[in-house]
Amino acid sequence: MANIDVQGYLRRLGTVDPGKPTIEGLFALHRAHVERVAYTSLQVHLGQRTTPDPYESAARIVAGEAGYCYHLNGAFGTLLETLGYDVTWHRGRVWSPEPRGHGLGPIQDEPNHLVLLVEAENTLYYCDTGLGDGLHEPLLLVPGEATQGPYTYTLERTRFDNGASGWSFTHDPKAESFTGMVFEERIASLQDFLARHEWMETDPESGFVKNLDVYRRDAQGVDHLRGCVLTRSDGTTTERREITDSDEWFDALADVFGLRLPGIGDIQQERLWKRVWIQHTAWTAAQEQ
């Protein structure tokens, strides 16, 4: 059986071993994860190939890297299990209506999100450290609304066309990112995500291939870097800044998102900046048409 470097992981989160599994400990770990381990497609734009294996993802996080939901939730779930929490994986689908997205679509064919359900002190929580500008803390798995900082979310029970039961998470429209996410109650395994992970990392139509995104959530709001546009939003005001200098761009990665690109040399950094700048200028031109 594979192991993870628990102490190294906790150091990355800026915390210490929380002791026996408790609700308080779960919330503290979740907050630390979204604040210190960015959600990003950076690895795709560096030309790196990864797997959704949670032990590999945990090792990458300990080494200072990050990733998207398969990596972040997979690793976080494995950390929680190692610390004694009861954790299950579930297939989910993040969605937005056209033209921004492609609608809800079938989860079984396109499970583009990995969801964690975690039990602490005989209470079940929906946890998600891989939802970009989503949760700051776990949500109690009961229908209703919950407010975290500037955003209010809704959880509802749902039933899919194939008769399977599940849950629907509705994001706050103020976030201006995605509409919602649905997930199945059926417990999933690593095999459920392999094919979609391959598509998300390699297909030209994948949003991760088309755009470089980096998110960091905290109690007050969200930092977001898309291409060369850095945004800070607190749900009421949004500050946007275009970054046109490569040194400033890499400084933002390090200082705002905690990504210092361990092991990446000057040539790879230059290639990364060139790719991001080309995508950014193409996007800017499209906005002006």
Protein backbone atom coordinates (compact mmCIF):
# COMPACT_ATOMS: atom_id res chain seq x y z
CA MET A 1 0.00 0.00 0.00
CA ALA A 2 1.28 3.46 -0.90
CA ASN A 3 1.87 6.04 1.80
CA ILE A 4 1.85 9.82 1.87
CA ASP A 5 4.18 12.19 3.65
CA VAL A 6 1.67 13.40 6.24
CA GLN A 7 4.02 15.78 8.01
CA GLY A 8 5.23 17.22 4.71
CA TYR A 9 1.62 17.70 3.61
CA LEU A 10 0.71 19.42 6.87
CA ARG A 11 3.73 21.71 6.53
CA ARG A 12 2.48 22.69 3.06
CA LEU A 13 -0.85 23.57 4.67
CA GLY A 14 0.91 25.60 7.36
CA THR A 15 -0.64 23.51 10.11
CA VAL A 16 0.18 20.72 12.54
CA ASP A 17 -1.32 17.30 13.13
CA PRO A 18 -4.88 18.04 14.29
CA GLY A 19 -5.08 14.88 16.38
CA LYS A 20 -8.11 12.60 16.37
CA PRO A 21 -10.79 13.28 13.72
CA THR A 22 -13.09 16.11 14.75
CA ILE A 23 -15.38 18.56 13.00
CA GLU A 24 -13.12 21.41 14.13
CA GLY A 25 -10.08 19.65 12.70
CA LEU A 26 -11.81 18.93 9.40
CA PHE A 27 -12.81 22.58 8.97
CA ALA A 28 -9.30 23.81 9.82
CA LEU A 29 -7.70 21.44 7.31
CA HIS A 30 -10.18 22.40 4.57
CA ARG A 31 -9.61 26.12 5.07
CA ALA A 32 -5.85 25.67 5.05
CA HIS A 33 -5.98 23.60 1.86
CA VAL A 34 -7.93 26.08 -0.26
CA GLU A 35 -5.91 29.01 1.09
CA ARG A 36 -2.47 27.47 0.49
CA VAL A 37 -2.82 24.95 -2.36
CA ALA A 38 -4.06 26.66 -5.51
CA TYR A 39 -6.52 25.23 -7.98
CA THR A 40 -4.79 25.38 -11.37
CA SER A 41 -4.30 23.98 -14.87
CA LEU A 42 -0.67 25.17 -14.78
CA GLN A 43 0.73 21.65 -15.18
CA VAL A 44 -1.05 21.29 -18.54
CA HIS A 45 0.59 24.45 -19.89
CA LEU A 46 3.99 23.30 -18.65
CA GLY A 47 3.58 20.18 -20.78
CA GLN A 48 3.48 17.93 -17.74
CA ARG A 49 1.41 14.73 -17.79
CA THR A 50 -0.13 13.66 -14.52
CA THR A 51 -2.48 10.99 -13.28
CA PRO A 52 -5.40 11.34 -10.86
CA ASP A 53 -3.74 8.81 -8.55
CA PRO A 54 -4.14 10.42 -5.10
CA TYR A 55 -0.73 9.33 -3.82
CA GLU A 56 1.02 10.89 -6.81
CA SER A 57 -1.05 14.04 -6.33
CA ALA A 58 -0.19 14.18 -2.63
CA ALA A 59 3.53 13.89 -3.44
CA ARG A 60 3.22 16.75 -5.93
CA ILE A 61 1.48 18.92 -3.35
CA VAL A 62 4.16 18.19 -0.76
CA ALA A 63 6.75 19.21 -3.39
CA GLY A 64 5.06 22.62 -3.82
CA GLU A 65 2.87 21.91 -6.84
CA ALA A 66 -0.92 21.95 -7.19
CA GLY A 67 -3.57 20.88 -9.72
CA TYR A 68 -7.28 20.69 -10.40
CA CYS A 69 -10.08 18.75 -8.70
CA TYR A 70 -8.88 15.21 -9.38
CA HIS A 71 -5.49 16.08 -7.90
CA LEU A 72 -6.62 18.31 -5.04
CA ASN A 73 -9.61 16.38 -3.76
CA GLY A 74 -7.93 13.03 -4.36
CA ALA A 75 -4.90 14.06 -2.33
CA PHE A 76 -6.93 15.81 0.37
CA GLY A 77 -9.19 12.79 0.77
CA THR A 78 -6.17 10.54 1.16
CA LEU A 79 -4.68 12.87 3.78
CA LEU A 80 -7.97 12.83 5.69
CA GLU A 81 -8.17 9.03 5.54
CA THR A 82 -4.63 8.77 6.85
CA LEU A 83 -5.63 11.06 9.73
CA GLY A 84 -8.56 8.77 10.56
CA TYR A 85 -11.54 10.36 8.79
CA ASP A 86 -14.09 8.27 6.88
CA VAL A 87 -13.92 9.48 3.25
CA THR A 88 -15.76 8.46 0.07
CA TRP A 89 -15.29 9.59 -3.55
CA HIS A 90 -18.19 10.53 -5.83
CA ARG A 91 -18.57 11.37 -9.51
CA GLY A 92 -19.61 14.94 -10.17
CA ARG A 93 -20.11 17.37 -13.02
CA VAL A 94 -19.47 21.12 -12.92
CA TRP A 95 -21.73 22.91 -15.37
CA SER A 96 -22.91 26.21 -16.84
CA PRO A 97 -25.51 26.80 -19.56
CA GLU A 98 -24.54 27.76 -23.08
CA PRO A 99 -22.83 29.85 -24.35
CA ARG A 100 -20.47 29.89 -21.36
CA GLY A 101 -20.71 26.13 -20.84
CA HIS A 102 -22.21 23.04 -22.43
CA GLY A 103 -25.10 22.47 -20.07
CA LEU A 104 -25.45 19.78 -17.47
CA GLY A 105 -24.72 16.69 -19.55
CA PRO A 106 -24.51 13.10 -18.27
CA ILE A 107 -22.26 12.54 -15.28
CA GLN A 108 -21.61 8.93 -16.19
CA ASP A 109 -20.00 9.92 -19.51
CA GLU A 110 -18.26 13.11 -18.42
CA PRO A 111 -17.41 13.05 -14.69
CA ASN A 112 -15.41 16.27 -14.79
CA HIS A 113 -15.36 16.63 -11.02
CA LEU A 114 -14.33 14.51 -8.04
CA VAL A 115 -16.36 15.09 -4.88
CA LEU A 116 -15.54 14.09 -1.31
CA LEU A 117 -18.01 13.16 1.41
CA VAL A 118 -16.34 13.06 4.82
CA GLU A 119 -17.69 11.86 8.14
CA ALA A 120 -16.53 13.57 11.33
CA GLU A 121 -18.09 12.97 14.75
CA ASN A 122 -20.92 10.95 13.15
CA THR A 123 -21.81 13.88 10.88
CA LEU A 124 -21.50 13.84 7.09
CA TYR A 125 -19.99 16.79 5.20
CA TYR A 126 -19.51 17.70 1.56
CA CYS A 127 -15.85 18.74 1.19
CA ASP A 128 -14.33 20.29 -1.92
CA THR A 129 -10.84 21.76 -2.14
CA GLY A 130 -10.93 21.50 -5.94
CA LEU A 131 -13.73 23.83 -6.96
CA GLY A 132 -11.74 26.95 -7.78
CA ASP A 133 -13.69 29.84 -6.29
CA GLY A 134 -16.07 27.48 -4.48
CA LEU A 135 -16.05 26.30 -0.88
CA HIS A 136 -13.90 27.77 1.85
CA GLU A 137 -15.20 25.31 4.43
CA PRO A 138 -17.08 21.99 4.30
CA LEU A 139 -20.85 22.04 3.93
CA LEU A 140 -23.11 19.96 6.13
CA LEU A 141 -24.73 17.42 3.79
CA VAL A 142 -28.31 18.56 4.27
CA PRO A 143 -30.58 20.50 1.89
CA GLY A 144 -30.44 24.26 2.36
CA GLU A 145 -28.43 27.44 1.95
CA ALA A 146 -25.06 28.25 3.47
CA THR A 147 -23.05 31.47 3.35
CA GLN A 148 -19.26 31.48 3.41
CA GLY A 149 -17.72 34.94 3.22
CA PRO A 150 -19.20 36.80 0.23
CA TYR A 151 -20.87 33.78 -1.37
CA THR A 152 -24.09 31.90 -0.64
CA TYR A 153 -24.47 28.31 -1.83
CA THR A 154 -27.41 25.94 -2.08
CA LEU A 155 -27.42 22.17 -1.63
CA GLU A 156 -30.43 20.16 -2.82
CA ARG A 157 -31.22 16.52 -3.32
CA THR A 158 -31.68 15.48 -6.94
CA ARG A 159 -32.41 12.42 -9.05
CA PHE A 160 -30.78 11.83 -12.42
CA ASP A 161 -32.37 10.60 -15.65
CA ASN A 162 -31.02 7.09 -15.03
CA GLY A 163 -32.81 6.99 -11.67
CA ALA A 164 -29.67 7.43 -9.55
CA SER A 165 -29.92 9.70 -6.53
CA GLY A 166 -27.54 12.54 -5.85
CA TRP A 167 -27.04 16.15 -4.87
CA SER A 168 -27.06 19.50 -6.63
CA PHE A 169 -24.75 22.33 -5.56
CA THR A 170 -25.65 25.82 -6.82
CA HIS A 171 -22.87 28.41 -6.88
CA ASP A 172 -23.42 32.07 -6.03
CA PRO A 173 -23.95 34.04 -9.29
CA LYS A 174 -21.72 36.81 -7.86
CA ALA A 175 -18.73 34.54 -8.43
CA GLU A 176 -19.30 34.70 -12.21
CA SER A 177 -17.52 31.40 -12.82
CA PHE A 178 -19.83 28.38 -13.08
CA THR A 179 -23.51 27.77 -12.38
CA GLY A 180 -23.41 24.64 -10.29
CA MET A 181 -22.25 21.09 -9.77
CA VAL A 182 -24.15 17.84 -9.38
CA PHE A 183 -22.80 14.62 -7.92
CA GLU A 184 -23.95 11.07 -7.40
CA GLU A 185 -24.47 9.35 -4.07
CA ARG A 186 -22.97 6.21 -5.59
CA ILE A 187 -19.42 5.73 -4.31
CA ALA A 188 -16.78 6.10 -7.04
CA SER A 189 -13.23 4.85 -7.47
CA LEU A 190 -10.12 6.00 -9.31
CA GLN A 191 -11.17 4.07 -12.42
CA ASP A 192 -14.23 6.31 -12.81
CA PHE A 193 -12.04 9.33 -13.58
CA LEU A 194 -9.19 7.99 -15.74
CA ALA A 195 -10.74 8.54 -19.19
CA ARG A 196 -12.05 12.02 -18.42
CA HIS A 197 -8.72 13.03 -16.88
CA GLU A 198 -6.96 12.05 -20.11
CA TRP A 199 -9.42 14.20 -22.11
CA MET A 200 -9.11 17.17 -19.76
CA GLU A 201 -5.31 17.22 -19.97
CA THR A 202 -4.92 16.64 -23.70
CA ASP A 203 -7.96 17.47 -25.81
CA PRO A 204 -7.83 20.84 -27.66
CA GLU A 205 -11.47 21.44 -26.63
CA SER A 206 -10.69 21.05 -22.94
CA GLY A 207 -10.96 24.25 -20.94
CA PHE A 208 -7.73 23.30 -19.15
CA VAL A 209 -5.90 23.17 -22.49
CA LYS A 210 -7.49 26.36 -23.81
CA ASN A 211 -6.92 28.51 -20.74
CA LEU A 212 -4.44 28.74 -17.89
CA ASP A 213 -6.38 29.35 -14.69
CA VAL A 214 -5.22 29.70 -11.11
CA TYR A 215 -7.59 30.19 -8.15
CA ARG A 216 -7.03 30.77 -4.46
CA ARG A 217 -9.96 30.98 -2.04
CA ASP A 218 -9.87 32.64 1.37
CA ALA A 219 -12.41 33.81 3.93
CA GLN A 220 -12.95 37.18 2.24
CA GLY A 221 -13.04 36.19 -1.43
CA VAL A 222 -11.06 34.84 -4.35
CA ASP A 223 -7.87 35.55 -6.26
CA HIS A 224 -8.00 34.41 -9.90
CA LEU A 225 -5.41 34.48 -12.65
CA ARG A 226 -6.62 33.69 -16.15
CA GLY A 227 -3.86 34.02 -18.69
CA CYS A 228 -2.44 37.47 -17.99
CA VAL A 229 -5.41 38.95 -16.11
CA LEU A 230 -5.19 38.92 -12.32
CA THR A 231 -8.49 39.41 -10.49
CA ARG A 232 -9.37 39.91 -6.85
CA SER A 233 -13.07 39.63 -5.95
CA ASP A 234 -14.80 39.95 -2.60
CA GLY A 235 -18.31 39.41 -3.96
CA THR A 236 -19.04 43.15 -4.03
CA THR A 237 -16.07 44.70 -5.83
CA THR A 238 -13.73 43.20 -8.40
CA GLU A 239 -10.26 44.50 -9.16
CA ARG A 240 -8.69 43.43 -12.46
CA ARG A 241 -5.13 43.98 -13.59
CA GLU A 242 -3.49 42.99 -16.85
CA ILE A 243 0.06 41.70 -16.37
CA THR A 244 2.29 42.27 -19.39
CA ASP A 245 5.70 41.63 -17.83
CA SER A 246 6.93 38.05 -17.37
CA ASP A 247 8.78 38.73 -14.11
CA GLU A 248 5.67 40.33 -12.62
CA TRP A 249 3.59 37.38 -13.82
CA PHE A 250 5.82 34.79 -12.14
CA ASP A 251 5.93 36.95 -9.00
CA ALA A 252 2.11 36.84 -8.91
CA LEU A 253 2.18 33.05 -9.19
CA ALA A 254 4.54 32.88 -6.23
CA ASP A 255 3.25 35.66 -4.00
CA VAL A 256 -0.52 35.44 -4.57
CA PHE A 257 -0.94 31.72 -5.25
CA GLY A 258 2.07 30.15 -3.54
CA LEU A 259 3.32 28.53 -6.76
CA ARG A 260 7.07 28.88 -7.07
CA LEU A 261 7.46 26.26 -9.84
CA PRO A 262 9.89 23.89 -8.11
CA GLY A 263 12.25 22.24 -10.56
CA ILE A 264 11.25 24.46 -13.48
CA GLY A 265 14.23 26.01 -15.26
CA ASP A 266 14.58 29.25 -17.18
CA ILE A 267 13.87 27.66 -20.58
CA GLN A 268 10.63 26.08 -19.40
CA GLN A 269 9.57 29.34 -17.77
CA GLU A 270 10.25 31.22 -20.99
CA ARG A 271 8.19 28.72 -22.96
CA LEU A 272 5.37 28.92 -20.44
CA TRP A 273 5.28 32.73 -20.57
CA LYS A 274 5.31 32.69 -24.39
CA ARG A 275 2.39 30.24 -24.49
CA VAL A 276 0.37 32.24 -21.96
CA TRP A 277 1.06 35.55 -23.70
CA ILE A 278 0.03 34.17 -27.12
CA GLN A 279 -3.21 32.84 -25.65
CA HIS A 280 -3.82 36.14 -23.88
CA THR A 281 -3.31 38.30 -26.96
CA ALA A 282 -5.59 36.01 -28.99
CA TRP A 283 -8.25 36.28 -26.27
CA THR A 284 -7.88 40.09 -26.15
CA ALA A 285 -8.28 40.35 -29.92
CA ALA A 286 -11.42 38.18 -29.78
CA GLN A 287 -12.96 40.47 -27.12
CA GLU A 288 -12.48 43.47 -29.38
CA GLN A 289 -14.34 41.97 -32.33
